[in-house]
Amino acid sequence: MDRGFASLQRIQELKEERHRFFVLRLKNNIRLEMQENGLFKVGKKEIAVEVRVVAFCDLERKGEYRLATNLPSEGELAVSNAEIGEIYRQRWQIELLWKFLKMHLKLERIITKNVNGITIQIYASLIAYLLLMLVEIPREFGSFALDKLRYLLAFMKQERSFVHWFGRLAFLS
């Protein structure tokens, strides 16, 4: 879960379900109260959730990250603090991919909720992006993917059909 969407109520619901685990980054200003069992109460007194909190320091950015989880620290399914940090790091890579898809591929809206449809939309965006990277346009129009897309759209409007447009584009050199 992203910390912007993780309400204490949602965390409590996940804790109550069996075999549903979460790892999320806590906001820096959230209230923590240590319990006798080693867990922390997170949140205000009237709305508080008991979770395991793992803290990490990022030496490069000089920041501290606190992660809340319900993954067990003991027993057969024990997950170490380092593994929790790695889980969060991997999840953050997914966030960076979505940022790339939204910013560079303009994949701002998913047009379906079907997993197959979402997969096709992502692949189509990636293929379009790779094709744009292969296309060469005159330097005065720019070098970014968006510049290339604008150039191609303007170029397409000059032709009668896609066959004529592609014929001219393919032999531009």
C-alpha atoms as a PDB file:
ATOM      1  CA  MET A   1       0.000   0.000   0.000  1.00  0.00           C
ATOM      2  CA  ASP A   2       1.063   3.522  -0.609  1.00  0.00           C
ATOM      3  CA  ARG A   3       1.099   5.582   2.563  1.00  0.00           C
ATOM      4  CA  GLY A   4      -1.258   8.119   0.999  1.00  0.00           C
ATOM      5  CA  PHE A   5      -3.984   5.489   0.660  1.00  0.00           C
ATOM      6  CA  ALA A   6      -3.411   3.535   3.857  1.00  0.00           C
ATOM      7  CA  SER A   7      -5.966   4.485   6.480  1.00  0.00           C
ATOM      8  CA  LEU A   8      -5.722   3.071   9.988  1.00  0.00           C
ATOM      9  CA  GLN A   9      -9.124   1.465   9.455  1.00  0.00           C
ATOM     10  CA  ARG A  10      -7.880  -0.340   6.315  1.00  0.00           C
ATOM     11  CA  ILE A  11      -4.765  -1.517   8.177  1.00  0.00           C
ATOM     12  CA  GLN A  12      -6.958  -2.899  10.968  1.00  0.00           C
ATOM     13  CA  GLU A  13      -9.116  -4.752   8.427  1.00  0.00           C
ATOM     14  CA  LEU A  14      -6.024  -6.348   6.856  1.00  0.00           C
ATOM     15  CA  LYS A  15      -4.699  -7.376  10.257  1.00  0.00           C
ATOM     16  CA  GLU A  16      -7.971  -9.161  11.077  1.00  0.00           C
ATOM     17  CA  GLU A  17      -7.945 -11.200   7.849  1.00  0.00           C
ATOM     18  CA  ARG A  18      -5.860 -14.361   7.954  1.00  0.00           C
ATOM     19  CA  HIS A  19      -2.915 -14.599   5.542  1.00  0.00           C
ATOM     20  CA  ARG A  20      -3.224 -10.949   4.446  1.00  0.00           C
ATOM     21  CA  PHE A  21       0.030  -9.114   4.996  1.00  0.00           C
ATOM     22  CA  PHE A  22       1.130  -5.555   4.364  1.00  0.00           C
ATOM     23  CA  VAL A  23       4.267  -3.428   4.389  1.00  0.00           C
ATOM     24  CA  LEU A  24       3.786   0.313   4.189  1.00  0.00           C
ATOM     25  CA  ARG A  25       5.784   3.413   4.919  1.00  0.00           C
ATOM     26  CA  LEU A  26       4.504   5.484   7.808  1.00  0.00           C
ATOM     27  CA  LYS A  27       4.248   9.234   7.574  1.00  0.00           C
ATOM     28  CA  ASN A  28       6.934  11.011   9.579  1.00  0.00           C
ATOM     29  CA  ASN A  29       4.433  12.819  11.782  1.00  0.00           C
ATOM     30  CA  ILE A  30       2.381   9.782  12.830  1.00  0.00           C
ATOM     31  CA  ARG A  31       2.208   9.033  16.540  1.00  0.00           C
ATOM     32  CA  LEU A  32       3.925   5.813  17.729  1.00  0.00           C
ATOM     33  CA  GLU A  33       3.563   4.278  21.181  1.00  0.00           C
ATOM     34  CA  MET A  34       5.643   1.215  22.091  1.00  0.00           C
ATOM     35  CA  GLN A  35       3.768  -1.680  23.712  1.00  0.00           C
ATOM     36  CA  GLU A  36       5.104  -4.258  26.163  1.00  0.00           C
ATOM     37  CA  ASN A  37       4.954  -6.998  23.514  1.00  0.00           C
ATOM     38  CA  GLY A  38       7.422  -5.125  21.273  1.00  0.00           C
ATOM     39  CA  LEU A  39       4.756  -3.893  18.855  1.00  0.00           C
ATOM     40  CA  PHE A  40       3.759  -0.264  18.386  1.00  0.00           C
ATOM     41  CA  LYS A  41       0.401   1.451  18.563  1.00  0.00           C
ATOM     42  CA  VAL A  42       0.169   3.644  15.506  1.00  0.00           C
ATOM     43  CA  GLY A  43      -2.206   6.603  15.363  1.00  0.00           C
ATOM     44  CA  LYS A  44      -4.365   8.509  17.798  1.00  0.00           C
ATOM     45  CA  LYS A  45      -5.689   6.938  20.980  1.00  0.00           C
ATOM     46  CA  GLU A  46      -9.268   6.602  19.697  1.00  0.00           C
ATOM     47  CA  ILE A  47      -8.102   5.131  16.366  1.00  0.00           C
ATOM     48  CA  ALA A  48      -4.907   3.128  16.921  1.00  0.00           C
ATOM     49  CA  VAL A  49      -3.582  -0.033  15.318  1.00  0.00           C
ATOM     50  CA  GLU A  50      -0.970  -2.357  16.807  1.00  0.00           C
ATOM     51  CA  VAL A  51       1.741  -3.224  14.262  1.00  0.00           C
ATOM     52  CA  ARG A  52       5.385  -4.117  13.988  1.00  0.00           C
ATOM     53  CA  VAL A  53       7.481  -1.074  13.059  1.00  0.00           C
ATOM     54  CA  VAL A  54      10.838  -1.372  11.327  1.00  0.00           C
ATOM     55  CA  ALA A  55      13.035   1.726  10.961  1.00  0.00           C
ATOM     56  CA  PHE A  56      15.728   2.261   8.319  1.00  0.00           C
ATOM     57  CA  CYS A  57      18.190   5.026   7.584  1.00  0.00           C
ATOM     58  CA  ASP A  58      19.053   6.024   4.035  1.00  0.00           C
ATOM     59  CA  LEU A  59      22.626   7.302   4.288  1.00  0.00           C
ATOM     60  CA  GLU A  60      22.635   8.749   0.753  1.00  0.00           C
ATOM     61  CA  ARG A  61      19.520  10.884   1.282  1.00  0.00           C
ATOM     62  CA  LYS A  62      20.103  11.271   5.016  1.00  0.00           C
ATOM     63  CA  GLY A  63      16.566  10.261   5.864  1.00  0.00           C
ATOM     64  CA  GLU A  64      14.790   7.816   8.123  1.00  0.00           C
ATOM     65  CA  TYR A  65      12.042   5.512   6.936  1.00  0.00           C
ATOM     66  CA  ARG A  66       9.612   3.756   9.239  1.00  0.00           C
ATOM     67  CA  LEU A  67       7.747   0.783   7.848  1.00  0.00           C
ATOM     68  CA  ALA A  68       4.664  -0.755   9.437  1.00  0.00           C
ATOM     69  CA  THR A  69       3.889  -4.417   8.847  1.00  0.00           C
ATOM     70  CA  ASN A  70       1.987  -7.363  10.202  1.00  0.00           C
ATOM     71  CA  LEU A  71       4.562  -9.863   8.937  1.00  0.00           C
ATOM     72  CA  PRO A  72       5.705 -12.136  11.791  1.00  0.00           C
ATOM     73  CA  SER A  73       9.130 -11.627  13.350  1.00  0.00           C
ATOM     74  CA  GLU A  74       9.205 -15.066  14.976  1.00  0.00           C
ATOM     75  CA  GLY A  75       8.160 -18.576  14.113  1.00  0.00           C
ATOM     76  CA  GLU A  76       8.036 -20.590  10.930  1.00  0.00           C
ATOM     77  CA  LEU A  77       6.999 -17.644   8.714  1.00  0.00           C
ATOM     78  CA  ALA A  78       9.398 -15.132  10.301  1.00  0.00           C
ATOM     79  CA  VAL A  79      10.505 -12.235   8.119  1.00  0.00           C
ATOM     80  CA  SER A  80      13.636 -10.311   9.115  1.00  0.00           C
ATOM     81  CA  ASN A  81      13.884  -6.523   9.234  1.00  0.00           C
ATOM     82  CA  ALA A  82      16.252  -6.593   6.249  1.00  0.00           C
ATOM     83  CA  GLU A  83      13.720  -8.611   4.229  1.00  0.00           C
ATOM     84  CA  ILE A  84      10.994  -6.104   5.082  1.00  0.00           C
ATOM     85  CA  GLY A  85      13.262  -3.324   3.849  1.00  0.00           C
ATOM     86  CA  GLU A  86      13.837  -5.248   0.606  1.00  0.00           C
ATOM     87  CA  ILE A  87      10.087  -5.830   0.169  1.00  0.00           C
ATOM     88  CA  TYR A  88       9.504  -2.092   0.467  1.00  0.00           C
ATOM     89  CA  ARG A  89      12.379  -1.299  -1.914  1.00  0.00           C
ATOM     90  CA  GLN A  90      10.917  -3.660  -4.516  1.00  0.00           C
ATOM     91  CA  ARG A  91       7.456  -2.129  -4.065  1.00  0.00           C
ATOM     92  CA  TRP A  92       8.986   1.306  -4.562  1.00  0.00           C
ATOM     93  CA  GLN A  93      10.415   0.140  -7.899  1.00  0.00           C
ATOM     94  CA  ILE A  94       6.830  -0.600  -8.985  1.00  0.00           C
ATOM     95  CA  GLU A  95       5.870   2.967  -7.999  1.00  0.00           C
ATOM     96  CA  LEU A  96       8.729   4.319 -10.115  1.00  0.00           C
ATOM     97  CA  LEU A  97       7.558   2.217 -13.080  1.00  0.00           C
ATOM     98  CA  TRP A  98       4.041   3.670 -12.745  1.00  0.00           C
ATOM     99  CA  LYS A  99       5.511   7.165 -12.574  1.00  0.00           C
ATOM    100  CA  PHE A 100       7.427   6.478 -15.802  1.00  0.00           C
ATOM    101  CA  LEU A 101       4.315   5.056 -17.492  1.00  0.00           C
ATOM    102  CA  LYS A 102       2.221   8.055 -16.486  1.00  0.00           C
ATOM    103  CA  MET A 103       4.781  10.765 -17.261  1.00  0.00           C
ATOM    104  CA  HIS A 104       6.516   9.501 -20.380  1.00  0.00           C
ATOM    105  CA  LEU A 105       3.914   7.221 -21.932  1.00  0.00           C
ATOM    106  CA  LYS A 106       0.906   9.322 -20.915  1.00  0.00           C
ATOM    107  CA  LEU A 107      -0.738   6.244 -19.411  1.00  0.00           C
ATOM    108  CA  GLU A 108      -2.804   8.324 -17.011  1.00  0.00           C
ATOM    109  CA  ARG A 109      -6.031   6.372 -17.219  1.00  0.00           C
ATOM    110  CA  ILE A 110      -6.514   2.635 -17.277  1.00  0.00           C
ATOM    111  CA  ILE A 111      -9.422   1.955 -19.640  1.00  0.00           C
ATOM    112  CA  THR A 112     -10.417  -1.392 -18.107  1.00  0.00           C
ATOM    113  CA  LYS A 113     -10.304  -3.247 -14.811  1.00  0.00           C
ATOM    114  CA  ASN A 114      -9.620  -6.563 -16.514  1.00  0.00           C
ATOM    115  CA  VAL A 115      -6.069  -7.827 -15.851  1.00  0.00           C
ATOM    116  CA  ASN A 116      -5.659  -8.875 -19.498  1.00  0.00           C
ATOM    117  CA  GLY A 117      -6.867  -5.473 -20.709  1.00  0.00           C
ATOM    118  CA  ILE A 118      -4.497  -3.616 -18.382  1.00  0.00           C
ATOM    119  CA  THR A 119      -1.602  -5.801 -19.555  1.00  0.00           C
ATOM    120  CA  ILE A 120      -2.424  -5.069 -23.201  1.00  0.00           C
ATOM    121  CA  GLN A 121      -2.676  -1.323 -22.505  1.00  0.00           C
ATOM    122  CA  ILE A 122       0.714  -1.288 -20.783  1.00  0.00           C
ATOM    123  CA  TYR A 123       2.357  -3.316 -23.575  1.00  0.00           C
ATOM    124  CA  ALA A 124       0.817  -1.063 -26.229  1.00  0.00           C
ATOM    125  CA  SER A 125       2.192   2.016 -24.437  1.00  0.00           C
ATOM    126  CA  LEU A 126       5.649   0.461 -24.124  1.00  0.00           C
ATOM    127  CA  ILE A 127       5.677  -0.538 -27.802  1.00  0.00           C
ATOM    128  CA  ALA A 128       4.592   2.966 -28.847  1.00  0.00           C
ATOM    129  CA  TYR A 129       7.339   4.470 -26.671  1.00  0.00           C
ATOM    130  CA  LEU A 130       9.999   2.165 -28.136  1.00  0.00           C
ATOM    131  CA  LEU A 131       8.853   3.012 -31.667  1.00  0.00           C
ATOM    132  CA  LEU A 132       9.100   6.719 -30.852  1.00  0.00           C
ATOM    133  CA  MET A 133      12.653   6.162 -29.637  1.00  0.00           C
ATOM    134  CA  LEU A 134      13.526   4.590 -32.988  1.00  0.00           C
ATOM    135  CA  VAL A 135      12.012   7.373 -35.097  1.00  0.00           C
ATOM    136  CA  GLU A 136      14.389  10.098 -36.192  1.00  0.00           C
ATOM    137  CA  ILE A 137      13.021  13.580 -36.809  1.00  0.00           C
ATOM    138  CA  PRO A 138      14.723  16.840 -37.802  1.00  0.00           C
ATOM    139  CA  ARG A 139      16.622  18.316 -34.829  1.00  0.00           C
ATOM    140  CA  GLU A 140      14.776  21.620 -34.884  1.00  0.00           C
ATOM    141  CA  PHE A 141      11.613  19.855 -33.709  1.00  0.00           C
ATOM    142  CA  GLY A 142      13.291  18.510 -30.557  1.00  0.00           C
ATOM    143  CA  SER A 143      14.552  15.176 -29.296  1.00  0.00           C
ATOM    144  CA  PHE A 144      12.101  14.133 -26.578  1.00  0.00           C
ATOM    145  CA  ALA A 145       9.474  11.449 -27.122  1.00  0.00           C
ATOM    146  CA  LEU A 146       6.705  14.048 -26.870  1.00  0.00           C
ATOM    147  CA  ASP A 147       8.422  16.190 -29.528  1.00  0.00           C
ATOM    148  CA  LYS A 148       8.590  13.169 -31.818  1.00  0.00           C
ATOM    149  CA  LEU A 149       4.940  12.353 -31.197  1.00  0.00           C
ATOM    150  CA  ARG A 150       3.868  15.923 -32.005  1.00  0.00           C
ATOM    151  CA  TYR A 151       5.963  15.881 -35.169  1.00  0.00           C
ATOM    152  CA  LEU A 152       4.440  12.571 -36.275  1.00  0.00           C
ATOM    153  CA  LEU A 153       0.895  13.791 -35.579  1.00  0.00           C
ATOM    154  CA  ALA A 154       1.505  16.942 -37.629  1.00  0.00           C
ATOM    155  CA  PHE A 155       3.133  14.870 -40.370  1.00  0.00           C
ATOM    156  CA  MET A 156       0.174  12.433 -40.437  1.00  0.00           C
ATOM    157  CA  LYS A 157      -2.337  15.254 -40.981  1.00  0.00           C
ATOM    158  CA  GLN A 158      -0.623  16.207 -44.248  1.00  0.00           C
ATOM    159  CA  GLU A 159      -1.341  12.863 -45.929  1.00  0.00           C
ATOM    160  CA  ARG A 160      -4.488  11.331 -47.416  1.00  0.00           C
ATOM    161  CA  SER A 161      -4.040   7.922 -45.795  1.00  0.00           C
ATOM    162  CA  PHE A 162      -1.808   6.008 -43.426  1.00  0.00           C
ATOM    163  CA  VAL A 163      -0.306   4.108 -46.378  1.00  0.00           C
ATOM    164  CA  HIS A 164       0.946   7.345 -47.958  1.00  0.00           C
ATOM    165  CA  TRP A 165       2.067   8.671 -44.570  1.00  0.00           C
ATOM    166  CA  PHE A 166       4.051   5.553 -43.722  1.00  0.00           C
ATOM    167  CA  GLY A 167       5.611   5.469 -47.194  1.00  0.00           C
ATOM    168  CA  ARG A 168       6.904   9.003 -46.783  1.00  0.00           C
ATOM    169  CA  LEU A 169       7.998   8.436 -43.193  1.00  0.00           C
ATOM    170  CA  ALA A 170       9.857   5.213 -43.926  1.00  0.00           C
ATOM    171  CA  PHE A 171      11.943   6.869 -46.632  1.00  0.00           C
ATOM    172  CA  LEU A 172      12.609  10.187 -44.889  1.00  0.00           C
ATOM    173  CA  SER A 173      16.381   9.763 -44.605  1.00  0.00           C
END
